[in-house]
Amino acid sequence: MGKKLQKSVTNKKIAGVCGGLGEYFGMDPVLFRAIFVILVICFGTGILAYLLLALIMPKAA
């Protein structure tokens, strides 16, 4: 069975979104956290994107 995009239970700071993205793409979650911070500072869309992903992504079992 393939990988599933889901929130991380072990690698989370707030809701596990960045940890889940990091596990899914095989990258460091710090990179995704930095991207969300840059989106907040430059465009103001990072908070909205993070909240939408937190609501849409299922929690890991």
Protein backbone atom coordinates (compact mmCIF):
# COMPACT_ATOMS: atom_id res chain seq x y z
CA MET A 1 0.00 0.00 0.00
CA GLY A 2 1.29 3.49 -0.83
CA LYS A 3 1.99 6.38 1.46
CA LYS A 4 -0.92 8.38 2.82
CA LEU A 5 -0.91 12.08 3.55
CA GLN A 6 -1.88 12.39 7.22
CA LYS A 7 -1.03 14.46 10.27
CA SER A 8 1.93 13.21 12.25
CA VAL A 9 1.41 11.98 15.79
CA THR A 10 5.10 11.81 16.73
CA ASN A 11 6.58 14.81 14.90
CA LYS A 12 4.25 17.68 15.70
CA LYS A 13 4.45 21.14 17.21
CA ILE A 14 0.87 22.40 16.86
CA ALA A 15 -1.37 20.09 14.85
CA GLY A 16 1.10 17.78 13.09
CA VAL A 17 0.57 19.21 9.61
CA CYS A 18 4.21 20.00 8.86
CA GLY A 19 5.37 16.72 10.37
CA GLY A 20 2.89 14.85 8.19
CA LEU A 21 4.00 16.71 5.08
CA GLY A 22 7.62 15.95 5.94
CA GLU A 23 6.91 12.24 6.40
CA TYR A 24 4.91 12.07 3.17
CA PHE A 25 7.51 13.80 0.99
CA GLY A 26 10.53 12.32 2.84
CA MET A 27 11.84 15.76 3.82
CA ASP A 28 12.62 17.57 7.04
CA PRO A 29 9.47 19.10 8.58
CA VAL A 30 11.46 22.22 9.48
CA LEU A 31 11.46 23.10 5.78
CA PHE A 32 7.66 23.04 5.70
CA ARG A 33 7.48 25.08 8.92
CA ALA A 34 9.77 27.68 7.33
CA ILE A 35 7.58 27.78 4.21
CA PHE A 36 4.47 28.44 6.32
CA VAL A 37 6.27 31.22 8.23
CA ILE A 38 7.40 32.82 4.96
CA LEU A 39 3.84 32.62 3.62
CA VAL A 40 2.55 34.34 6.76
CA ILE A 41 5.13 37.13 6.65
CA CYS A 42 5.04 37.80 2.89
CA PHE A 43 1.48 37.08 1.86
CA GLY A 44 -0.54 36.40 5.00
CA THR A 45 -1.85 33.14 3.55
CA GLY A 46 0.18 30.74 5.67
CA ILE A 47 -2.25 30.74 8.59
CA LEU A 48 -5.21 30.02 6.33
CA ALA A 49 -3.35 27.26 4.48
CA TYR A 50 -2.20 25.66 7.74
CA LEU A 51 -5.70 25.76 9.25
CA LEU A 52 -7.25 24.25 6.11
CA LEU A 53 -4.69 21.45 6.10
CA ALA A 54 -5.24 20.86 9.83
CA LEU A 55 -8.95 20.41 9.17
CA ILE A 56 -8.65 18.34 5.98
CA MET A 57 -5.74 15.99 6.77
CA PRO A 58 -6.69 12.88 8.73
CA LYS A 59 -4.87 12.02 11.95
CA ALA A 60 -2.42 9.12 11.74
CA ALA A 61 -3.66 5.94 13.36
